[in-house]
Amino acid sequence: MQPENPFITQPENMKSLHQIIENHWQNPNPILRLFLCPLSKLFAHITAKRRANFLSGSLKTQKLPVPVVIVGNIHAGGTGKTPITAALVSSLQKRGVKVGVISRGYGRASQAIHVLTDNSRAADAGDEPLMLFRQTHVPTAVGANRYEVGRALLAQNPDLQMIVADDGLQHYRLARDVEICVFPAADMGRDNLEVLPNGGLREPVSRLETVDCVVFSNGMTEQKTVFRLPENVFYSQTQIAAPYRFNCPQETLLASSLKTGETCVAVAGIARPQRFFDSLGELGFRLQNTVVLPDHAAINVADLPVADYVFITEKDAVKLPENVPENMWVLPIRAEIEPDLGDWVLWKLGI
């Protein structure tokens, strides 16, 4: 008997509960709504009480000796936050600011604080922090207690002038000087956004009124919203470039160079993977198969589907060992933000 292939798409009735609920967030199911609404009301009550404790001062916060800029979201992932964080960090670097990054490091094996080095692996740091570190080359540290993580980073890099926290909008124990919320432009006009588990929000959409600015991701054109926003609004657009070979990043690939009959597949362990697949299509790559893994999932090279070209995301690439097959290609994605977010942060902080 052949072993089960983990990359074969399962039928609808075999999908995980997590997949079913995520689909419900985009296409509401009346039966699921009936059962999940009471849980969402309870979740909303808990989050509202926690924020009220933060605002009243009854929830103790700890402040680092340098300004802290939070780049977070109210969605449960898939907003394009990490590319926006990278774009902000790069903008600050160009202006001569010595900036560091802290993050929880979701999906890593250890709970200990880890300050990243060139030898760090995804198991040490988490996939997104490691990707940020390799893209921006700024001091980066991870851990659950962001205040202690920031202290550890400053201990090794005392010349840092600012810390950007990737995620952490709801981590109220860390005092913040600027709150930036990333919100998908595709949800700008939706009036049925609800908190977990009936919807995909960590906090009610009214939270947008209280942040310092909102960055609408994957959309540069102003659209009408059905909820209130802060005074400062930015728009980001995803920019994609030609895929590069995993083992040789200097070598890029154009769809026009493929020979007749050569096959292409794409593998993604990210939230909202369809955007990745669509991006490859926009570049002219015709995919014979697409493989969707859970967000942050580990990737076993031996289990990858057979094809002439296997495309992966940069977030997934940091989880792979160095000795991967020559047919592995990585799609680089960057965010362009208008107006310039770095300039605004420096203005907001009076720097």
C-alpha atoms as a PDB file:
ATOM      1  CA  MET A   1       0.000   0.000   0.000  1.00  0.00           C
ATOM      2  CA  GLN A   2       1.288   3.436  -0.923  1.00  0.00           C
ATOM      3  CA  PRO A   3       1.821   5.827   2.049  1.00  0.00           C
ATOM      4  CA  GLU A   4      -0.552   8.756   2.250  1.00  0.00           C
ATOM      5  CA  ASN A   5       0.776  11.797   0.389  1.00  0.00           C
ATOM      6  CA  PRO A   6       0.439  14.845   2.682  1.00  0.00           C
ATOM      7  CA  PHE A   7       0.266  17.120  -0.352  1.00  0.00           C
ATOM      8  CA  ILE A   8      -2.892  15.634  -1.843  1.00  0.00           C
ATOM      9  CA  THR A   9      -5.781  18.032  -1.346  1.00  0.00           C
ATOM     10  CA  GLN A  10      -8.355  16.534   0.981  1.00  0.00           C
ATOM     11  CA  PRO A  11     -12.057  16.578   0.120  1.00  0.00           C
ATOM     12  CA  GLU A  12     -14.265  19.137   1.859  1.00  0.00           C
ATOM     13  CA  ASN A  13     -15.547  16.676   4.472  1.00  0.00           C
ATOM     14  CA  MET A  14     -11.967  15.766   5.444  1.00  0.00           C
ATOM     15  CA  LYS A  15     -10.734  19.301   5.992  1.00  0.00           C
ATOM     16  CA  SER A  16      -9.560  20.291   9.443  1.00  0.00           C
ATOM     17  CA  LEU A  17     -11.791  22.272  11.761  1.00  0.00           C
ATOM     18  CA  HIS A  18      -9.367  25.189  11.426  1.00  0.00           C
ATOM     19  CA  GLN A  19      -9.765  25.204   7.630  1.00  0.00           C
ATOM     20  CA  ILE A  20     -13.553  25.008   7.895  1.00  0.00           C
ATOM     21  CA  ILE A  21     -13.680  27.969  10.292  1.00  0.00           C
ATOM     22  CA  GLU A  22     -11.298  30.049   8.164  1.00  0.00           C
ATOM     23  CA  ASN A  23     -13.528  29.423   5.158  1.00  0.00           C
ATOM     24  CA  HIS A  24     -16.504  30.492   7.304  1.00  0.00           C
ATOM     25  CA  TRP A  25     -14.782  33.837   7.958  1.00  0.00           C
ATOM     26  CA  GLN A  26     -14.756  34.571   4.237  1.00  0.00           C
ATOM     27  CA  ASN A  27     -18.043  32.856   3.312  1.00  0.00           C
ATOM     28  CA  PRO A  28     -20.278  32.805   6.419  1.00  0.00           C
ATOM     29  CA  ASN A  29     -22.089  29.549   7.144  1.00  0.00           C
ATOM     30  CA  PRO A  30     -25.453  30.111   8.918  1.00  0.00           C
ATOM     31  CA  ILE A  31     -25.143  26.934  11.002  1.00  0.00           C
ATOM     32  CA  LEU A  32     -21.610  27.711  12.161  1.00  0.00           C
ATOM     33  CA  ARG A  33     -22.666  31.264  12.925  1.00  0.00           C
ATOM     34  CA  LEU A  34     -25.375  29.995  15.262  1.00  0.00           C
ATOM     35  CA  PHE A  35     -22.846  28.057  17.341  1.00  0.00           C
ATOM     36  CA  LEU A  36     -19.917  30.512  17.169  1.00  0.00           C
ATOM     37  CA  CYS A  37     -21.698  33.805  17.882  1.00  0.00           C
ATOM     38  CA  PRO A  38     -21.908  33.243  21.672  1.00  0.00           C
ATOM     39  CA  LEU A  39     -18.198  32.391  21.776  1.00  0.00           C
ATOM     40  CA  SER A  40     -17.375  35.550  19.830  1.00  0.00           C
ATOM     41  CA  LYS A  41     -19.349  37.665  22.302  1.00  0.00           C
ATOM     42  CA  LEU A  42     -17.365  36.116  25.155  1.00  0.00           C
ATOM     43  CA  PHE A  43     -14.068  36.687  23.343  1.00  0.00           C
ATOM     44  CA  ALA A  44     -15.014  40.319  22.592  1.00  0.00           C
ATOM     45  CA  HIS A  45     -15.860  40.862  26.265  1.00  0.00           C
ATOM     46  CA  ILE A  46     -12.489  39.488  27.382  1.00  0.00           C
ATOM     47  CA  THR A  47     -10.506  41.583  24.902  1.00  0.00           C
ATOM     48  CA  ALA A  48     -12.477  44.733  25.760  1.00  0.00           C
ATOM     49  CA  LYS A  49     -11.875  44.211  29.480  1.00  0.00           C
ATOM     50  CA  ARG A  50      -8.154  43.667  28.934  1.00  0.00           C
ATOM     51  CA  ARG A  51      -7.847  46.850  26.888  1.00  0.00           C
ATOM     52  CA  ALA A  52      -9.871  48.768  29.483  1.00  0.00           C
ATOM     53  CA  ASN A  53      -7.424  47.582  32.159  1.00  0.00           C
ATOM     54  CA  PHE A  54      -4.555  48.805  29.977  1.00  0.00           C
ATOM     55  CA  LEU A  55      -6.130  52.234  29.481  1.00  0.00           C
ATOM     56  CA  SER A  56      -6.987  52.616  33.162  1.00  0.00           C
ATOM     57  CA  GLY A  57      -3.499  51.674  34.263  1.00  0.00           C
ATOM     58  CA  SER A  58      -4.554  48.604  36.231  1.00  0.00           C
ATOM     59  CA  LEU A  59      -2.641  46.442  33.730  1.00  0.00           C
ATOM     60  CA  LYS A  60       1.012  47.146  34.445  1.00  0.00           C
ATOM     61  CA  THR A  61       3.107  48.144  31.446  1.00  0.00           C
ATOM     62  CA  GLN A  62       6.879  48.259  31.117  1.00  0.00           C
ATOM     63  CA  LYS A  63       8.697  50.864  29.054  1.00  0.00           C
ATOM     64  CA  LEU A  64      11.972  50.401  27.233  1.00  0.00           C
ATOM     65  CA  PRO A  65      14.526  53.262  27.206  1.00  0.00           C
ATOM     66  CA  VAL A  66      14.085  53.823  23.444  1.00  0.00           C
ATOM     67  CA  PRO A  67      10.929  54.544  21.427  1.00  0.00           C
ATOM     68  CA  VAL A  68       8.866  51.472  20.554  1.00  0.00           C
ATOM     69  CA  VAL A  69       6.830  51.307  17.342  1.00  0.00           C
ATOM     70  CA  ILE A  70       4.247  48.537  17.163  1.00  0.00           C
ATOM     71  CA  VAL A  71       3.374  47.139  13.730  1.00  0.00           C
ATOM     72  CA  GLY A  72       0.440  44.835  14.363  1.00  0.00           C
ATOM     73  CA  ASN A  73      -3.004  43.872  13.178  1.00  0.00           C
ATOM     74  CA  ILE A  74      -6.438  43.013  14.473  1.00  0.00           C
ATOM     75  CA  HIS A  75      -6.795  40.076  12.070  1.00  0.00           C
ATOM     76  CA  ALA A  76      -5.629  36.572  12.944  1.00  0.00           C
ATOM     77  CA  GLY A  77      -2.893  36.638  10.313  1.00  0.00           C
ATOM     78  CA  GLY A  78      -2.693  37.060   6.567  1.00  0.00           C
ATOM     79  CA  THR A  79      -2.694  40.868   6.399  1.00  0.00           C
ATOM     80  CA  GLY A  80       0.714  41.385   4.799  1.00  0.00           C
ATOM     81  CA  LYS A  81       2.121  42.795   8.045  1.00  0.00           C
ATOM     82  CA  THR A  82       5.651  41.387   7.833  1.00  0.00           C
ATOM     83  CA  PRO A  83       6.518  42.914   4.409  1.00  0.00           C
ATOM     84  CA  ILE A  84       5.218  46.243   5.739  1.00  0.00           C
ATOM     85  CA  THR A  85       7.410  45.885   8.829  1.00  0.00           C
ATOM     86  CA  ALA A  86      10.392  45.213   6.565  1.00  0.00           C
ATOM     87  CA  ALA A  87       9.545  48.260   4.433  1.00  0.00           C
ATOM     88  CA  LEU A  88       9.299  50.482   7.521  1.00  0.00           C
ATOM     89  CA  VAL A  89      12.615  49.220   8.907  1.00  0.00           C
ATOM     90  CA  SER A  90      14.330  49.782   5.547  1.00  0.00           C
ATOM     91  CA  SER A  91      12.904  53.312   5.352  1.00  0.00           C
ATOM     92  CA  LEU A  92      14.224  54.125   8.831  1.00  0.00           C
ATOM     93  CA  GLN A  93      17.627  52.660   7.963  1.00  0.00           C
ATOM     94  CA  LYS A  94      17.875  54.914   4.898  1.00  0.00           C
ATOM     95  CA  ARG A  95      17.317  57.892   7.185  1.00  0.00           C
ATOM     96  CA  GLY A  96      20.202  56.867   9.416  1.00  0.00           C
ATOM     97  CA  VAL A  97      18.138  55.501  12.279  1.00  0.00           C
ATOM     98  CA  LYS A  98      19.700  52.591  14.167  1.00  0.00           C
ATOM     99  CA  VAL A  99      16.672  50.348  14.538  1.00  0.00           C
ATOM    100  CA  GLY A 100      16.099  46.878  15.968  1.00  0.00           C
ATOM    101  CA  VAL A 101      13.224  44.413  15.668  1.00  0.00           C
ATOM    102  CA  ILE A 102      11.516  42.337  18.348  1.00  0.00           C
ATOM    103  CA  SER A 103       8.870  39.670  17.853  1.00  0.00           C
ATOM    104  CA  ARG A 104       7.246  36.762  19.615  1.00  0.00           C
ATOM    105  CA  GLY A 105       8.778  34.258  17.192  1.00  0.00           C
ATOM    106  CA  TYR A 106       5.707  32.154  16.569  1.00  0.00           C
ATOM    107  CA  GLY A 107       6.307  28.487  15.726  1.00  0.00           C
ATOM    108  CA  ARG A 108       9.825  28.143  17.118  1.00  0.00           C
ATOM    109  CA  ALA A 109      10.923  25.203  19.226  1.00  0.00           C
ATOM    110  CA  SER A 110      12.226  27.065  22.303  1.00  0.00           C
ATOM    111  CA  GLN A 111      10.524  29.488  24.698  1.00  0.00           C
ATOM    112  CA  ALA A 112      13.790  31.176  25.702  1.00  0.00           C
ATOM    113  CA  ILE A 113      14.688  34.663  24.485  1.00  0.00           C
ATOM    114  CA  HIS A 114      16.823  34.409  21.363  1.00  0.00           C
ATOM    115  CA  VAL A 115      18.884  37.198  19.803  1.00  0.00           C
ATOM    116  CA  LEU A 116      19.342  36.279  16.166  1.00  0.00           C
ATOM    117  CA  THR A 117      22.709  35.659  14.530  1.00  0.00           C
ATOM    118  CA  ASP A 118      23.752  34.578  11.062  1.00  0.00           C
ATOM    119  CA  ASN A 119      23.571  30.982  12.326  1.00  0.00           C
ATOM    120  CA  SER A 120      19.995  31.238  13.637  1.00  0.00           C
ATOM    121  CA  ARG A 121      17.448  28.799  12.267  1.00  0.00           C
ATOM    122  CA  ALA A 122      13.676  28.998  12.006  1.00  0.00           C
ATOM    123  CA  ALA A 123      13.462  26.563  14.926  1.00  0.00           C
ATOM    124  CA  ASP A 124      15.357  29.120  17.039  1.00  0.00           C
ATOM    125  CA  ALA A 125      13.640  32.310  15.908  1.00  0.00           C
ATOM    126  CA  GLY A 126      10.441  31.510  14.015  1.00  0.00           C
ATOM    127  CA  ASP A 127      10.064  31.878  10.262  1.00  0.00           C
ATOM    128  CA  GLU A 128       8.894  35.513  10.040  1.00  0.00           C
ATOM    129  CA  PRO A 129      11.540  37.027  12.384  1.00  0.00           C
ATOM    130  CA  LEU A 130      14.280  35.067  10.614  1.00  0.00           C
ATOM    131  CA  MET A 131      13.021  36.298   7.245  1.00  0.00           C
ATOM    132  CA  LEU A 132      12.973  39.903   8.537  1.00  0.00           C
ATOM    133  CA  PHE A 133      16.491  39.519   9.918  1.00  0.00           C
ATOM    134  CA  ARG A 134      17.859  38.205   6.626  1.00  0.00           C
ATOM    135  CA  GLN A 135      16.077  40.876   4.586  1.00  0.00           C
ATOM    136  CA  THR A 136      16.938  43.909   6.709  1.00  0.00           C
ATOM    137  CA  HIS A 137      20.109  42.804   8.556  1.00  0.00           C
ATOM    138  CA  VAL A 138      19.061  44.750  11.668  1.00  0.00           C
ATOM    139  CA  PRO A 139      19.476  43.445  15.232  1.00  0.00           C
ATOM    140  CA  THR A 140      16.518  41.166  15.951  1.00  0.00           C
ATOM    141  CA  ALA A 141      15.356  39.213  19.008  1.00  0.00           C
ATOM    142  CA  VAL A 142      12.361  37.009  19.817  1.00  0.00           C
ATOM    143  CA  GLY A 143      10.488  35.858  22.889  1.00  0.00           C
ATOM    144  CA  ALA A 144       7.069  35.898  24.523  1.00  0.00           C
ATOM    145  CA  ASN A 145       7.797  38.760  26.945  1.00  0.00           C
ATOM    146  CA  ARG A 146       8.480  41.630  24.537  1.00  0.00           C
ATOM    147  CA  TYR A 147       9.839  43.897  27.273  1.00  0.00           C
ATOM    148  CA  GLU A 148      12.489  41.354  28.288  1.00  0.00           C
ATOM    149  CA  VAL A 149      13.187  40.673  24.612  1.00  0.00           C
ATOM    150  CA  GLY A 150      13.766  44.382  24.047  1.00  0.00           C
ATOM    151  CA  ARG A 151      16.097  44.550  27.035  1.00  0.00           C
ATOM    152  CA  ALA A 152      18.100  41.595  25.728  1.00  0.00           C
ATOM    153  CA  LEU A 153      18.385  43.213  22.306  1.00  0.00           C
ATOM    154  CA  LEU A 154      19.509  46.544  23.787  1.00  0.00           C
ATOM    155  CA  ALA A 155      22.037  44.787  26.011  1.00  0.00           C
ATOM    156  CA  GLN A 156      23.788  43.466  22.924  1.00  0.00           C
ATOM    157  CA  ASN A 157      23.120  46.578  20.824  1.00  0.00           C
ATOM    158  CA  PRO A 158      23.231  49.608  23.157  1.00  0.00           C
ATOM    159  CA  ASP A 159      23.433  52.042  20.227  1.00  0.00           C
ATOM    160  CA  LEU A 160      19.893  51.266  19.011  1.00  0.00           C
ATOM    161  CA  GLN A 161      17.729  54.390  18.725  1.00  0.00           C
ATOM    162  CA  MET A 162      14.372  52.700  18.122  1.00  0.00           C
ATOM    163  CA  ILE A 163      12.710  49.312  18.329  1.00  0.00           C
ATOM    164  CA  VAL A 164      10.040  48.092  15.922  1.00  0.00           C
ATOM    165  CA  ALA A 165       7.840  45.355  17.333  1.00  0.00           C
ATOM    166  CA  ASP A 166       6.612  43.005  14.620  1.00  0.00           C
ATOM    167  CA  ASP A 167       3.137  42.126  15.873  1.00  0.00           C
ATOM    168  CA  GLY A 168       2.269  42.804  19.509  1.00  0.00           C
ATOM    169  CA  LEU A 169      -0.636  45.223  19.101  1.00  0.00           C
ATOM    170  CA  GLN A 170      -2.471  43.195  21.755  1.00  0.00           C
ATOM    171  CA  HIS A 171       0.660  42.702  23.927  1.00  0.00           C
ATOM    172  CA  TYR A 172      -0.294  45.535  26.264  1.00  0.00           C
ATOM    173  CA  ARG A 173       2.389  44.841  28.859  1.00  0.00           C
ATOM    174  CA  LEU A 174       4.910  46.502  26.533  1.00  0.00           C
ATOM    175  CA  ALA A 175       4.542  50.295  26.546  1.00  0.00           C
ATOM    176  CA  ARG A 176       4.434  51.724  23.044  1.00  0.00           C
ATOM    177  CA  ASP A 177       5.043  55.151  21.532  1.00  0.00           C
ATOM    178  CA  VAL A 178       3.393  54.510  18.164  1.00  0.00           C
ATOM    179  CA  GLU A 179       0.738  51.979  17.162  1.00  0.00           C
ATOM    180  CA  ILE A 180       0.482  51.006  13.481  1.00  0.00           C
ATOM    181  CA  CYS A 181      -2.277  48.634  12.451  1.00  0.00           C
ATOM    182  CA  VAL A 182      -2.080  46.751   9.157  1.00  0.00           C
ATOM    183  CA  PHE A 183      -5.498  46.061   7.679  1.00  0.00           C
ATOM    184  CA  PRO A 184      -6.207  44.239   4.379  1.00  0.00           C
ATOM    185  CA  ALA A 185      -7.643  46.589   1.761  1.00  0.00           C
ATOM    186  CA  ALA A 186      -9.952  43.771   0.627  1.00  0.00           C
ATOM    187  CA  ASP A 187     -11.847  44.143   3.920  1.00  0.00           C
ATOM    188  CA  MET A 188     -12.258  47.919   3.747  1.00  0.00           C
ATOM    189  CA  GLY A 189     -15.885  47.748   2.640  1.00  0.00           C
ATOM    190  CA  ARG A 190     -17.023  44.755   4.689  1.00  0.00           C
ATOM    191  CA  ASP A 191     -19.598  45.393   7.395  1.00  0.00           C
ATOM    192  CA  ASN A 192     -19.724  41.811   8.741  1.00  0.00           C
ATOM    193  CA  LEU A 193     -16.277  41.576  10.341  1.00  0.00           C
ATOM    194  CA  GLU A 194     -16.483  39.817  13.708  1.00  0.00           C
ATOM    195  CA  VAL A 195     -14.054  38.689  16.377  1.00  0.00           C
ATOM    196  CA  LEU A 196     -12.846  35.140  16.906  1.00  0.00           C
ATOM    197  CA  PRO A 197     -14.079  32.478  16.462  1.00  0.00           C
ATOM    198  CA  ASN A 198     -17.100  33.589  14.417  1.00  0.00           C
ATOM    199  CA  GLY A 199     -14.859  35.998  12.520  1.00  0.00           C
ATOM    200  CA  GLY A 200     -11.149  36.461  11.956  1.00  0.00           C
ATOM    201  CA  LEU A 201     -10.548  39.499  14.197  1.00  0.00           C
ATOM    202  CA  ARG A 202      -8.509  39.553  17.403  1.00  0.00           C
ATOM    203  CA  GLU A 203     -10.216  42.794  18.434  1.00  0.00           C
ATOM    204  CA  PRO A 204     -13.362  44.567  17.197  1.00  0.00           C
ATOM    205  CA  VAL A 205     -12.939  46.768  14.141  1.00  0.00           C
ATOM    206  CA  SER A 206     -13.548  49.798  16.378  1.00  0.00           C
ATOM    207  CA  ARG A 207      -9.950  49.313  17.572  1.00  0.00           C
ATOM    208  CA  LEU A 208      -8.857  51.044  14.371  1.00  0.00           C
ATOM    209  CA  GLU A 209     -10.126  54.346  15.775  1.00  0.00           C
ATOM    210  CA  THR A 210      -7.569  54.263  18.588  1.00  0.00           C
ATOM    211  CA  VAL A 211      -4.330  53.400  16.778  1.00  0.00           C
ATOM    212  CA  ASP A 212      -1.985  56.118  15.520  1.00  0.00           C
ATOM    213  CA  CYS A 213      -2.284  55.052  11.901  1.00  0.00           C
ATOM    214  CA  VAL A 214      -3.694  52.342   9.649  1.00  0.00           C
ATOM    215  CA  VAL A 215      -1.862  50.829   6.691  1.00  0.00           C
ATOM    216  CA  PHE A 216      -4.210  49.239   4.178  1.00  0.00           C
ATOM    217  CA  SER A 217      -2.275  46.368   2.643  1.00  0.00           C
ATOM    218  CA  ASN A 218      -2.478  45.216  -0.970  1.00  0.00           C
ATOM    219  CA  GLY A 219      -4.347  48.268  -2.142  1.00  0.00           C
ATOM    220  CA  MET A 220      -3.166  51.730  -3.191  1.00  0.00           C
ATOM    221  CA  THR A 221      -6.505  53.199  -4.235  1.00  0.00           C
ATOM    222  CA  GLU A 222      -8.607  54.862  -1.567  1.00  0.00           C
ATOM    223  CA  GLN A 223     -11.903  53.068  -1.094  1.00  0.00           C
ATOM    224  CA  LYS A 224     -14.945  53.826   0.993  1.00  0.00           C
ATOM    225  CA  THR A 225     -14.868  52.219   4.425  1.00  0.00           C
ATOM    226  CA  VAL A 226     -17.815  51.343   6.633  1.00  0.00           C
ATOM    227  CA  PHE A 227     -15.931  52.002   9.880  1.00  0.00           C
ATOM    228  CA  ARG A 228     -14.130  54.947  11.443  1.00  0.00           C
ATOM    229  CA  LEU A 229     -10.398  55.433  10.965  1.00  0.00           C
ATOM    230  CA  PRO A 230      -7.660  57.502  12.616  1.00  0.00           C
ATOM    231  CA  GLU A 231      -6.452  60.673  10.931  1.00  0.00           C
ATOM    232  CA  ASN A 232      -3.371  59.025   9.417  1.00  0.00           C
ATOM    233  CA  VAL A 233      -3.986  56.418   6.720  1.00  0.00           C
ATOM    234  CA  PHE A 234      -1.419  54.757   4.453  1.00  0.00           C
ATOM    235  CA  TYR A 235      -1.667  52.313   1.568  1.00  0.00           C
ATOM    236  CA  SER A 236       0.742  49.552   0.614  1.00  0.00           C
ATOM    237  CA  GLN A 237       1.098  47.637  -2.609  1.00  0.00           C
ATOM    238  CA  THR A 238       2.828  44.289  -2.974  1.00  0.00           C
ATOM    239  CA  GLN A 239       5.712  44.291  -5.423  1.00  0.00           C
ATOM    240  CA  ILE A 240       6.916  40.981  -6.828  1.00  0.00           C
ATOM    241  CA  ALA A 241      10.122  40.240  -8.723  1.00  0.00           C
ATOM    242  CA  ALA A 242      11.389  37.287 -10.714  1.00  0.00           C
ATOM    243  CA  PRO A 243      11.866  34.132  -8.602  1.00  0.00           C
ATOM    244  CA  TYR A 244      15.451  33.332  -7.623  1.00  0.00           C
ATOM    245  CA  ARG A 245      17.055  29.931  -7.258  1.00  0.00           C
ATOM    246  CA  PHE A 246      17.231  28.864  -3.606  1.00  0.00           C
ATOM    247  CA  ASN A 247      20.816  27.602  -3.948  1.00  0.00           C
ATOM    248  CA  CYS A 248      21.937  30.591  -6.022  1.00  0.00           C
ATOM    249  CA  PRO A 249      19.978  33.801  -5.270  1.00  0.00           C
ATOM    250  CA  GLN A 250      21.801  35.675  -8.029  1.00  0.00           C
ATOM    251  CA  GLU A 251      20.098  33.469 -10.624  1.00  0.00           C
ATOM    252  CA  THR A 252      16.558  34.522 -11.504  1.00  0.00           C
ATOM    253  CA  LEU A 253      13.889  32.851 -13.617  1.00  0.00           C
ATOM    254  CA  LEU A 254      11.546  34.208 -16.274  1.00  0.00           C
ATOM    255  CA  ALA A 255       8.463  32.314 -17.389  1.00  0.00           C
ATOM    256  CA  SER A 256       9.465  32.866 -21.009  1.00  0.00           C
ATOM    257  CA  SER A 257      12.597  30.774 -20.458  1.00  0.00           C
ATOM    258  CA  LEU A 258      10.652  27.606 -19.620  1.00  0.00           C
ATOM    259  CA  LYS A 259      10.647  24.864 -22.228  1.00  0.00           C
ATOM    260  CA  THR A 260       7.542  23.177 -23.554  1.00  0.00           C
ATOM    261  CA  GLY A 261       6.392  20.398 -21.272  1.00  0.00           C
ATOM    262  CA  GLU A 262       8.273  21.575 -18.177  1.00  0.00           C
ATOM    263  CA  THR A 263       6.120  21.439 -15.060  1.00  0.00           C
ATOM    264  CA  CYS A 264       5.677  23.969 -12.250  1.00  0.00           C
ATOM    265  CA  VAL A 265       4.216  23.532  -8.762  1.00  0.00           C
ATOM    266  CA  ALA A 266       3.922  25.962  -5.858  1.00  0.00           C
ATOM    267  CA  VAL A 267       4.032  25.149  -2.147  1.00  0.00           C
ATOM    268  CA  ALA A 268       2.945  27.606   0.561  1.00  0.00           C
ATOM    269  CA  GLY A 269       2.748  27.381   4.334  1.00  0.00           C
ATOM    270  CA  ILE A 270       1.343  30.877   4.842  1.00  0.00           C
ATOM    271  CA  ALA A 271      -1.985  32.504   5.607  1.00  0.00           C
ATOM    272  CA  ARG A 272      -3.988  33.344   2.452  1.00  0.00           C
ATOM    273  CA  PRO A 273      -1.720  31.357   0.077  1.00  0.00           C
ATOM    274  CA  GLN A 274      -3.855  32.171  -2.965  1.00  0.00           C
ATOM    275  CA  ARG A 275      -2.137  35.562  -3.217  1.00  0.00           C
ATOM    276  CA  PHE A 276       1.188  33.757  -3.646  1.00  0.00           C
ATOM    277  CA  PHE A 277      -0.213  31.491  -6.343  1.00  0.00           C
ATOM    278  CA  ASP A 278      -1.827  34.448  -8.126  1.00  0.00           C
ATOM    279  CA  SER A 279       1.464  36.350  -8.052  1.00  0.00           C
ATOM    280  CA  LEU A 280       3.217  33.505  -9.862  1.00  0.00           C
ATOM    281  CA  GLY A 281       0.399  33.509 -12.418  1.00  0.00           C
ATOM    282  CA  GLU A 282       0.866  37.239 -12.960  1.00  0.00           C
ATOM    283  CA  LEU A 283       4.512  36.551 -13.784  1.00  0.00           C
ATOM    284  CA  GLY A 284       3.414  34.034 -16.427  1.00  0.00           C
ATOM    285  CA  PHE A 285       4.111  30.774 -14.610  1.00  0.00           C
ATOM    286  CA  ARG A 286       1.441  28.151 -15.308  1.00  0.00           C
ATOM    287  CA  LEU A 287       1.088  25.966 -12.221  1.00  0.00           C
ATOM    288  CA  GLN A 288       0.217  22.302 -12.678  1.00  0.00           C
ATOM    289  CA  ASN A 289      -0.330  21.901  -8.929  1.00  0.00           C
ATOM    290  CA  THR A 290      -0.591  24.047  -5.814  1.00  0.00           C
ATOM    291  CA  VAL A 291       0.072  22.751  -2.314  1.00  0.00           C
ATOM    292  CA  VAL A 292      -1.381  24.492   0.743  1.00  0.00           C
ATOM    293  CA  LEU A 293       0.149  23.785   4.148  1.00  0.00           C
ATOM    294  CA  PRO A 294      -0.880  25.260   7.513  1.00  0.00           C
ATOM    295  CA  ASP A 295       0.591  28.671   8.319  1.00  0.00           C
ATOM    296  CA  HIS A 296       4.137  28.323   9.766  1.00  0.00           C
ATOM    297  CA  ALA A 297       4.170  24.581   8.950  1.00  0.00           C
ATOM    298  CA  ALA A 298       7.495  22.790   8.642  1.00  0.00           C
ATOM    299  CA  ILE A 299       8.464  21.634   5.153  1.00  0.00           C
ATOM    300  CA  ASN A 300      10.104  18.280   4.505  1.00  0.00           C
ATOM    301  CA  VAL A 301      12.083  18.489   1.265  1.00  0.00           C
ATOM    302  CA  ALA A 302      11.715  14.745   0.722  1.00  0.00           C
ATOM    303  CA  ASP A 303       7.926  15.114   0.607  1.00  0.00           C
ATOM    304  CA  LEU A 304       7.807  17.902  -1.978  1.00  0.00           C
ATOM    305  CA  PRO A 305       5.940  17.086  -5.200  1.00  0.00           C
ATOM    306  CA  VAL A 306       7.960  16.176  -8.261  1.00  0.00           C
ATOM    307  CA  ALA A 307       8.242  18.942 -10.870  1.00  0.00           C
ATOM    308  CA  ASP A 308      10.807  20.744 -12.971  1.00  0.00           C
ATOM    309  CA  TYR A 309      10.260  23.907 -10.921  1.00  0.00           C
ATOM    310  CA  VAL A 310       9.047  24.104  -7.320  1.00  0.00           C
ATOM    311  CA  PHE A 311       8.155  27.600  -6.122  1.00  0.00           C
ATOM    312  CA  ILE A 312       8.035  28.585  -2.438  1.00  0.00           C
ATOM    313  CA  THR A 313       7.632  31.793  -0.442  1.00  0.00           C
ATOM    314  CA  GLU A 314      10.505  33.556   1.305  1.00  0.00           C
ATOM    315  CA  LYS A 315       8.806  32.820   4.606  1.00  0.00           C
ATOM    316  CA  ASP A 316       8.920  29.089   3.826  1.00  0.00           C
ATOM    317  CA  ALA A 317      12.425  29.278   2.384  1.00  0.00           C
ATOM    318  CA  VAL A 318      14.004  30.156   5.733  1.00  0.00           C
ATOM    319  CA  LYS A 319      12.782  26.822   7.118  1.00  0.00           C
ATOM    320  CA  LEU A 320      14.649  24.746   4.539  1.00  0.00           C
ATOM    321  CA  PRO A 321      18.156  23.289   4.908  1.00  0.00           C
ATOM    322  CA  GLU A 322      20.929  24.461   2.617  1.00  0.00           C
ATOM    323  CA  ASN A 323      21.090  21.264   0.547  1.00  0.00           C
ATOM    324  CA  VAL A 324      17.768  21.475  -1.283  1.00  0.00           C
ATOM    325  CA  PRO A 325      17.216  20.288  -4.850  1.00  0.00           C
ATOM    326  CA  GLU A 326      18.267  22.574  -7.691  1.00  0.00           C
ATOM    327  CA  ASN A 327      14.644  22.922  -8.861  1.00  0.00           C
ATOM    328  CA  MET A 328      13.658  25.029  -5.816  1.00  0.00           C
ATOM    329  CA  TRP A 329      12.828  28.686  -6.565  1.00  0.00           C
ATOM    330  CA  VAL A 330      11.840  31.484  -4.194  1.00  0.00           C
ATOM    331  CA  LEU A 331       9.444  34.338  -4.992  1.00  0.00           C
ATOM    332  CA  PRO A 332      10.594  37.666  -3.478  1.00  0.00           C
ATOM    333  CA  ILE A 333       7.801  39.966  -2.279  1.00  0.00           C
ATOM    334  CA  ARG A 334       8.220  43.516  -1.010  1.00  0.00           C
ATOM    335  CA  ALA A 335       5.806  46.220   0.106  1.00  0.00           C
ATOM    336  CA  GLU A 336       5.733  49.810  -1.154  1.00  0.00           C
ATOM    337  CA  ILE A 337       3.932  52.198   1.182  1.00  0.00           C
ATOM    338  CA  GLU A 338       2.452  55.575   0.289  1.00  0.00           C
ATOM    339  CA  PRO A 339       3.019  58.094   1.759  1.00  0.00           C
ATOM    340  CA  ASP A 340       6.396  57.144   3.245  1.00  0.00           C
ATOM    341  CA  LEU A 341       5.769  55.449   6.577  1.00  0.00           C
ATOM    342  CA  GLY A 342       9.300  55.998   7.877  1.00  0.00           C
ATOM    343  CA  ASP A 343       9.035  59.769   7.472  1.00  0.00           C
ATOM    344  CA  TRP A 344       5.723  59.780   9.315  1.00  0.00           C
ATOM    345  CA  VAL A 345       7.071  57.698  12.235  1.00  0.00           C
ATOM    346  CA  LEU A 346       9.997  60.086  12.692  1.00  0.00           C
ATOM    347  CA  TRP A 347       7.591  63.048  12.581  1.00  0.00           C
ATOM    348  CA  LYS A 348       5.286  61.351  15.090  1.00  0.00           C
ATOM    349  CA  LEU A 349       8.182  60.758  17.478  1.00  0.00           C
ATOM    350  CA  GLY A 350       9.603  64.237  16.965  1.00  0.00           C
ATOM    351  CA  ILE A 351      12.902  62.916  15.677  1.00  0.00           C
END
